[in-house]
Amino acid sequence: MKKRIMCFGDSNTWGAVPAEGTRHPQEVRWTGVLQRELGDAYQVIEEGYNGRTSVFDDVTEGRLSGVKYFAPCCDSQSPLDLIILMLGTNDLKERFGVSPRTIAYGFSRYLDVLSITPMAGKKPKVLLVSPILIDASYKKHPLFYDMFGEDAAERSMKLAEAYEEFARDNGLEFFNAAEYGKASVRDGVHMEAEYHEKLGVAFANKVKEILE
């Protein structure tokens, strides 16, 4: 049976094209690159959603809390060998007013879900991913500036340390996407094709390290 990997994330997992509101083709998205690199012995399952937060209910859009969808998603997509969790960028929106460490430790709710959710097969391993950094160019785009406020780029730089600490404390695998992916200056949040490629290849190497 193929090894099954679920990629649970936000617009950078969905594959949003910077500043355009469109989607990169499947073979361009990092999830598609991951599938290509891993080959037929694996099945990569895309679960990206624009605007998704980790655990916070958006006061203007109540549909975006990832943890609310996580349990039925895990159940419906099981059996799973690995879950790649890459969330946190949208948690930096000014309206939430939370620290990077609070964001990181909110992933304990995902572990709670996994502990009680009925799933076919054994419980999957979890790769917690600190997302790419927000680029300061987001301030030039009124929509993103209104969302993220003045210092989101600086706050995003503190996520990796907090995520790595949480992963270590909870026996999870850790990966820093900012070492390979980079936000486009076209909107300061989303990746161009070249960084989907780099990130997808890096993910493939990490997945092989975990599962092989």
C-alpha atoms as a PDB file:
ATOM      1  CA  MET A   1       0.000   0.000   0.000  1.00  0.00           C
ATOM      2  CA  LYS A   2       1.187   3.491  -0.768  1.00  0.00           C
ATOM      3  CA  LYS A   3       2.415   5.669   2.077  1.00  0.00           C
ATOM      4  CA  ARG A   4      -0.157   8.428   2.535  1.00  0.00           C
ATOM      5  CA  ILE A   5       0.806  11.985   3.462  1.00  0.00           C
ATOM      6  CA  MET A   6      -1.747  14.684   4.246  1.00  0.00           C
ATOM      7  CA  CYS A   7      -0.604  18.293   3.807  1.00  0.00           C
ATOM      8  CA  PHE A   8      -2.809  20.454   6.038  1.00  0.00           C
ATOM      9  CA  GLY A   9      -2.241  24.153   5.571  1.00  0.00           C
ATOM     10  CA  ASP A  10      -3.394  27.526   4.333  1.00  0.00           C
ATOM     11  CA  SER A  11      -3.091  29.432   1.042  1.00  0.00           C
ATOM     12  CA  ASN A  12       0.574  28.521   0.591  1.00  0.00           C
ATOM     13  CA  THR A  13      -0.456  24.869   0.643  1.00  0.00           C
ATOM     14  CA  TRP A  14      -3.450  25.585  -1.591  1.00  0.00           C
ATOM     15  CA  GLY A  15      -1.017  27.279  -3.981  1.00  0.00           C
ATOM     16  CA  ALA A  16      -2.161  30.890  -4.186  1.00  0.00           C
ATOM     17  CA  VAL A  17      -0.390  32.934  -6.855  1.00  0.00           C
ATOM     18  CA  PRO A  18       0.981  36.175  -5.343  1.00  0.00           C
ATOM     19  CA  ALA A  19      -1.239  39.233  -5.844  1.00  0.00           C
ATOM     20  CA  GLU A  20      -3.499  37.469  -8.357  1.00  0.00           C
ATOM     21  CA  GLY A  21      -6.067  35.461  -6.432  1.00  0.00           C
ATOM     22  CA  THR A  22      -5.471  32.476  -8.719  1.00  0.00           C
ATOM     23  CA  ARG A  23      -3.866  29.079  -8.095  1.00  0.00           C
ATOM     24  CA  HIS A  24      -0.606  27.603  -9.272  1.00  0.00           C
ATOM     25  CA  PRO A  25      -1.072  24.452 -11.381  1.00  0.00           C
ATOM     26  CA  GLN A  26      -0.922  21.146  -9.532  1.00  0.00           C
ATOM     27  CA  GLU A  27       2.543  20.285 -10.829  1.00  0.00           C
ATOM     28  CA  VAL A  28       3.869  23.687  -9.689  1.00  0.00           C
ATOM     29  CA  ARG A  29       2.511  23.666  -6.137  1.00  0.00           C
ATOM     30  CA  TRP A  30       4.926  22.374  -3.501  1.00  0.00           C
ATOM     31  CA  THR A  31       2.535  19.518  -2.820  1.00  0.00           C
ATOM     32  CA  GLY A  32       2.754  18.518  -6.470  1.00  0.00           C
ATOM     33  CA  VAL A  33       6.528  18.789  -6.407  1.00  0.00           C
ATOM     34  CA  LEU A  34       6.531  16.624  -3.281  1.00  0.00           C
ATOM     35  CA  GLN A  35       4.476  13.987  -5.098  1.00  0.00           C
ATOM     36  CA  ARG A  36       6.819  14.065  -8.090  1.00  0.00           C
ATOM     37  CA  GLU A  37       9.906  13.698  -5.924  1.00  0.00           C
ATOM     38  CA  LEU A  38       8.496  10.883  -3.799  1.00  0.00           C
ATOM     39  CA  GLY A  39       7.138   8.883  -6.713  1.00  0.00           C
ATOM     40  CA  ASP A  40       4.457   6.226  -6.987  1.00  0.00           C
ATOM     41  CA  ALA A  41       5.149   4.638  -3.616  1.00  0.00           C
ATOM     42  CA  TYR A  42       3.520   7.656  -1.963  1.00  0.00           C
ATOM     43  CA  GLN A  43       0.196   9.464  -2.177  1.00  0.00           C
ATOM     44  CA  VAL A  44       0.222  13.157  -1.313  1.00  0.00           C
ATOM     45  CA  ILE A  45      -3.128  14.549  -0.189  1.00  0.00           C
ATOM     46  CA  GLU A  46      -3.665  18.300  -0.479  1.00  0.00           C
ATOM     47  CA  GLU A  47      -5.671  19.967   2.275  1.00  0.00           C
ATOM     48  CA  GLY A  48      -4.852  23.647   1.795  1.00  0.00           C
ATOM     49  CA  TYR A  49      -7.428  26.370   2.458  1.00  0.00           C
ATOM     50  CA  ASN A  50      -7.089  30.108   1.922  1.00  0.00           C
ATOM     51  CA  GLY A  51      -7.065  32.127   5.139  1.00  0.00           C
ATOM     52  CA  ARG A  52      -6.955  29.103   7.436  1.00  0.00           C
ATOM     53  CA  THR A  53      -5.727  29.759  10.966  1.00  0.00           C
ATOM     54  CA  SER A  54      -4.455  27.152  13.391  1.00  0.00           C
ATOM     55  CA  VAL A  55      -7.068  27.420  16.147  1.00  0.00           C
ATOM     56  CA  PHE A  56      -8.509  30.932  16.065  1.00  0.00           C
ATOM     57  CA  ASP A  57     -12.007  31.864  14.948  1.00  0.00           C
ATOM     58  CA  ASP A  58     -11.809  34.858  12.660  1.00  0.00           C
ATOM     59  CA  VAL A  59     -14.239  37.547  13.815  1.00  0.00           C
ATOM     60  CA  THR A  60     -15.066  38.431  10.216  1.00  0.00           C
ATOM     61  CA  GLU A  61     -14.974  34.918   8.736  1.00  0.00           C
ATOM     62  CA  GLY A  62     -16.022  32.155  11.112  1.00  0.00           C
ATOM     63  CA  ARG A  63     -15.039  29.303   8.788  1.00  0.00           C
ATOM     64  CA  LEU A  64     -11.262  29.527   9.051  1.00  0.00           C
ATOM     65  CA  SER A  65     -10.221  27.718  12.242  1.00  0.00           C
ATOM     66  CA  GLY A  66      -8.238  24.719  11.042  1.00  0.00           C
ATOM     67  CA  VAL A  67      -8.649  22.664  14.190  1.00  0.00           C
ATOM     68  CA  LYS A  68     -12.420  22.537  13.705  1.00  0.00           C
ATOM     69  CA  TYR A  69     -11.993  20.734  10.384  1.00  0.00           C
ATOM     70  CA  PHE A  70      -9.024  18.641  11.422  1.00  0.00           C
ATOM     71  CA  ALA A  71     -10.835  15.701  13.042  1.00  0.00           C
ATOM     72  CA  PRO A  72     -13.242  14.893  10.190  1.00  0.00           C
ATOM     73  CA  CYS A  73     -10.433  15.498   7.723  1.00  0.00           C
ATOM     74  CA  CYS A  74      -8.139  12.999   9.457  1.00  0.00           C
ATOM     75  CA  ASP A  75     -10.939  10.472   9.683  1.00  0.00           C
ATOM     76  CA  SER A  76     -12.004  10.796   6.046  1.00  0.00           C
ATOM     77  CA  GLN A  77      -8.448  10.697   4.706  1.00  0.00           C
ATOM     78  CA  SER A  78      -7.216   7.825   6.863  1.00  0.00           C
ATOM     79  CA  PRO A  79      -5.175   5.715   6.840  1.00  0.00           C
ATOM     80  CA  LEU A  80      -2.340   8.225   7.010  1.00  0.00           C
ATOM     81  CA  ASP A  81       1.364   7.683   7.581  1.00  0.00           C
ATOM     82  CA  LEU A  82       2.290  11.337   8.016  1.00  0.00           C
ATOM     83  CA  ILE A  83       0.533  14.668   8.537  1.00  0.00           C
ATOM     84  CA  ILE A  84       2.362  17.811   7.491  1.00  0.00           C
ATOM     85  CA  LEU A  85       0.984  20.751   9.492  1.00  0.00           C
ATOM     86  CA  MET A  86       1.933  24.134   8.054  1.00  0.00           C
ATOM     87  CA  LEU A  87      -0.157  26.885   9.604  1.00  0.00           C
ATOM     88  CA  GLY A  88       0.494  30.101  11.503  1.00  0.00           C
ATOM     89  CA  THR A  89       0.802  32.884   8.945  1.00  0.00           C
ATOM     90  CA  ASN A  90      -2.844  33.899   9.287  1.00  0.00           C
ATOM     91  CA  ASP A  91      -2.582  33.716  13.074  1.00  0.00           C
ATOM     92  CA  LEU A  92      -0.294  36.735  12.827  1.00  0.00           C
ATOM     93  CA  LYS A  93      -3.193  38.938  11.765  1.00  0.00           C
ATOM     94  CA  GLU A  94      -3.430  41.961  14.013  1.00  0.00           C
ATOM     95  CA  ARG A  95      -6.998  41.134  15.070  1.00  0.00           C
ATOM     96  CA  PHE A  96      -5.849  38.046  17.003  1.00  0.00           C
ATOM     97  CA  GLY A  97      -3.187  39.795  19.073  1.00  0.00           C
ATOM     98  CA  VAL A  98      -1.283  36.622  19.967  1.00  0.00           C
ATOM     99  CA  SER A  99       2.412  35.917  20.352  1.00  0.00           C
ATOM    100  CA  PRO A 100       4.408  33.458  18.215  1.00  0.00           C
ATOM    101  CA  ARG A 101       4.754  31.173  21.246  1.00  0.00           C
ATOM    102  CA  THR A 102       0.996  31.181  21.805  1.00  0.00           C
ATOM    103  CA  ILE A 103       0.518  30.209  18.162  1.00  0.00           C
ATOM    104  CA  ALA A 104       3.021  27.374  18.474  1.00  0.00           C
ATOM    105  CA  TYR A 105       1.566  25.912  21.641  1.00  0.00           C
ATOM    106  CA  GLY A 106      -1.930  26.078  20.187  1.00  0.00           C
ATOM    107  CA  PHE A 107      -0.960  22.991  18.188  1.00  0.00           C
ATOM    108  CA  SER A 108      -1.520  20.988  21.357  1.00  0.00           C
ATOM    109  CA  ARG A 109      -5.173  21.025  20.322  1.00  0.00           C
ATOM    110  CA  TYR A 110      -4.248  19.154  17.137  1.00  0.00           C
ATOM    111  CA  LEU A 111      -2.508  16.513  19.199  1.00  0.00           C
ATOM    112  CA  ASP A 112      -5.623  16.247  21.358  1.00  0.00           C
ATOM    113  CA  VAL A 113      -7.698  15.687  18.226  1.00  0.00           C
ATOM    114  CA  LEU A 114      -5.359  12.962  17.010  1.00  0.00           C
ATOM    115  CA  SER A 115      -5.530  11.195  20.361  1.00  0.00           C
ATOM    116  CA  ILE A 116      -9.320  10.752  20.198  1.00  0.00           C
ATOM    117  CA  THR A 117     -10.186  10.673  16.483  1.00  0.00           C
ATOM    118  CA  PRO A 118     -11.049   7.243  15.074  1.00  0.00           C
ATOM    119  CA  MET A 119      -8.799   6.552  12.112  1.00  0.00           C
ATOM    120  CA  ALA A 120      -8.091   3.514   9.993  1.00  0.00           C
ATOM    121  CA  GLY A 121      -4.644   2.083  10.666  1.00  0.00           C
ATOM    122  CA  LYS A 122      -2.064   3.316  13.128  1.00  0.00           C
ATOM    123  CA  LYS A 123      -1.811   6.928  14.261  1.00  0.00           C
ATOM    124  CA  PRO A 124       0.216   9.000  11.798  1.00  0.00           C
ATOM    125  CA  LYS A 125       3.446  10.776  12.533  1.00  0.00           C
ATOM    126  CA  VAL A 126       3.271  14.583  12.590  1.00  0.00           C
ATOM    127  CA  LEU A 127       5.659  17.008  10.921  1.00  0.00           C
ATOM    128  CA  LEU A 128       5.148  20.481  12.390  1.00  0.00           C
ATOM    129  CA  VAL A 129       6.228  23.164   9.948  1.00  0.00           C
ATOM    130  CA  SER A 130       7.077  26.746  10.755  1.00  0.00           C
ATOM    131  CA  PRO A 131       5.763  28.694   7.734  1.00  0.00           C
ATOM    132  CA  ILE A 132       7.651  30.963   5.377  1.00  0.00           C
ATOM    133  CA  LEU A 133       8.335  34.475   6.610  1.00  0.00           C
ATOM    134  CA  ILE A 134       6.055  37.348   5.769  1.00  0.00           C
ATOM    135  CA  ASP A 135       7.953  39.860   3.625  1.00  0.00           C
ATOM    136  CA  ALA A 136       7.767  43.541   4.558  1.00  0.00           C
ATOM    137  CA  SER A 137       6.406  44.283   1.082  1.00  0.00           C
ATOM    138  CA  TYR A 138       2.959  43.238   2.389  1.00  0.00           C
ATOM    139  CA  LYS A 139       2.663  46.803   3.706  1.00  0.00           C
ATOM    140  CA  LYS A 140       2.331  48.065   0.129  1.00  0.00           C
ATOM    141  CA  HIS A 141      -0.869  46.087  -0.323  1.00  0.00           C
ATOM    142  CA  PRO A 142      -3.833  47.652   1.525  1.00  0.00           C
ATOM    143  CA  LEU A 143      -5.655  44.349   2.003  1.00  0.00           C
ATOM    144  CA  PHE A 144      -2.730  42.628   3.693  1.00  0.00           C
ATOM    145  CA  TYR A 145      -1.642  45.710   5.621  1.00  0.00           C
ATOM    146  CA  ASP A 146      -5.135  46.032   7.075  1.00  0.00           C
ATOM    147  CA  MET A 147      -5.039  42.353   8.046  1.00  0.00           C
ATOM    148  CA  PHE A 148      -1.544  42.059   9.470  1.00  0.00           C
ATOM    149  CA  GLY A 149      -0.819  45.513  10.836  1.00  0.00           C
ATOM    150  CA  GLU A 150       2.580  47.110  11.214  1.00  0.00           C
ATOM    151  CA  ASP A 151       4.984  44.438  12.485  1.00  0.00           C
ATOM    152  CA  ALA A 152       3.844  41.076  11.059  1.00  0.00           C
ATOM    153  CA  ALA A 153       7.112  40.505   9.199  1.00  0.00           C
ATOM    154  CA  GLU A 154       9.097  40.863  12.407  1.00  0.00           C
ATOM    155  CA  ARG A 155       6.715  38.625  14.366  1.00  0.00           C
ATOM    156  CA  SER A 156       6.897  35.931  11.690  1.00  0.00           C
ATOM    157  CA  MET A 157      10.646  35.677  12.311  1.00  0.00           C
ATOM    158  CA  LYS A 158       9.939  34.397  15.828  1.00  0.00           C
ATOM    159  CA  LEU A 159       7.733  31.485  14.785  1.00  0.00           C
ATOM    160  CA  ALA A 160      10.477  28.985  13.956  1.00  0.00           C
ATOM    161  CA  GLU A 161      12.058  29.041  17.411  1.00  0.00           C
ATOM    162  CA  ALA A 162       8.670  28.645  19.113  1.00  0.00           C
ATOM    163  CA  TYR A 163       7.572  25.836  16.768  1.00  0.00           C
ATOM    164  CA  GLU A 164      10.826  23.956  17.207  1.00  0.00           C
ATOM    165  CA  GLU A 165      10.481  24.185  20.974  1.00  0.00           C
ATOM    166  CA  PHE A 166       6.908  22.867  20.841  1.00  0.00           C
ATOM    167  CA  ALA A 167       7.889  20.045  18.499  1.00  0.00           C
ATOM    168  CA  ARG A 168      10.766  19.031  20.765  1.00  0.00           C
ATOM    169  CA  ASP A 169       8.568  19.135  23.870  1.00  0.00           C
ATOM    170  CA  ASN A 170       5.927  16.945  22.228  1.00  0.00           C
ATOM    171  CA  GLY A 171       8.011  14.442  20.275  1.00  0.00           C
ATOM    172  CA  LEU A 172       7.087  15.807  16.839  1.00  0.00           C
ATOM    173  CA  GLU A 173       9.196  16.161  13.731  1.00  0.00           C
ATOM    174  CA  PHE A 174      10.067  19.785  12.873  1.00  0.00           C
ATOM    175  CA  PHE A 175      10.752  21.599   9.625  1.00  0.00           C
ATOM    176  CA  ASN A 176      11.421  25.295   8.963  1.00  0.00           C
ATOM    177  CA  ALA A 177       9.851  26.201   5.613  1.00  0.00           C
ATOM    178  CA  ALA A 178      11.510  29.619   5.669  1.00  0.00           C
ATOM    179  CA  GLU A 179      14.860  27.971   4.959  1.00  0.00           C
ATOM    180  CA  TYR A 180      13.605  27.048   1.487  1.00  0.00           C
ATOM    181  CA  GLY A 181      10.481  29.064   0.662  1.00  0.00           C
ATOM    182  CA  LYS A 182      10.180  32.818   0.348  1.00  0.00           C
ATOM    183  CA  ALA A 183       7.243  35.184   0.000  1.00  0.00           C
ATOM    184  CA  SER A 184       7.027  37.192  -3.191  1.00  0.00           C
ATOM    185  CA  VAL A 185       7.441  40.959  -3.032  1.00  0.00           C
ATOM    186  CA  ARG A 186       4.291  41.114  -5.149  1.00  0.00           C
ATOM    187  CA  ASP A 187       2.190  40.647  -2.009  1.00  0.00           C
ATOM    188  CA  GLY A 188       4.590  39.713   0.803  1.00  0.00           C
ATOM    189  CA  VAL A 189       2.707  36.543   1.734  1.00  0.00           C
ATOM    190  CA  HIS A 190       2.556  34.002  -1.104  1.00  0.00           C
ATOM    191  CA  MET A 191       5.222  32.137  -3.077  1.00  0.00           C
ATOM    192  CA  GLU A 192       6.219  32.277  -6.718  1.00  0.00           C
ATOM    193  CA  ALA A 193       6.706  29.014  -8.605  1.00  0.00           C
ATOM    194  CA  GLU A 194      10.462  28.814  -8.018  1.00  0.00           C
ATOM    195  CA  TYR A 195      10.005  28.659  -4.257  1.00  0.00           C
ATOM    196  CA  HIS A 196       7.258  26.064  -4.474  1.00  0.00           C
ATOM    197  CA  GLU A 197       9.839  23.970  -6.325  1.00  0.00           C
ATOM    198  CA  LYS A 198      12.547  24.486  -3.716  1.00  0.00           C
ATOM    199  CA  LEU A 199      10.188  23.854  -0.834  1.00  0.00           C
ATOM    200  CA  GLY A 200       8.688  20.743  -2.406  1.00  0.00           C
ATOM    201  CA  VAL A 201      12.103  19.175  -2.968  1.00  0.00           C
ATOM    202  CA  ALA A 202      13.135  19.964   0.609  1.00  0.00           C
ATOM    203  CA  PHE A 203       9.930  18.463   1.957  1.00  0.00           C
ATOM    204  CA  ALA A 204      10.554  15.294  -0.053  1.00  0.00           C
ATOM    205  CA  ASN A 205      13.957  14.878   1.557  1.00  0.00           C
ATOM    206  CA  LYS A 206      12.458  15.385   5.012  1.00  0.00           C
ATOM    207  CA  VAL A 207       9.602  12.943   4.371  1.00  0.00           C
ATOM    208  CA  LYS A 208      12.034  10.261   3.228  1.00  0.00           C
ATOM    209  CA  GLU A 209      14.071  10.861   6.369  1.00  0.00           C
ATOM    210  CA  ILE A 210      10.977  10.357   8.533  1.00  0.00           C
ATOM    211  CA  LEU A 211       9.289   7.454   6.747  1.00  0.00           C
ATOM    212  CA  GLU A 212      12.184   5.540   5.208  1.00  0.00           C
END
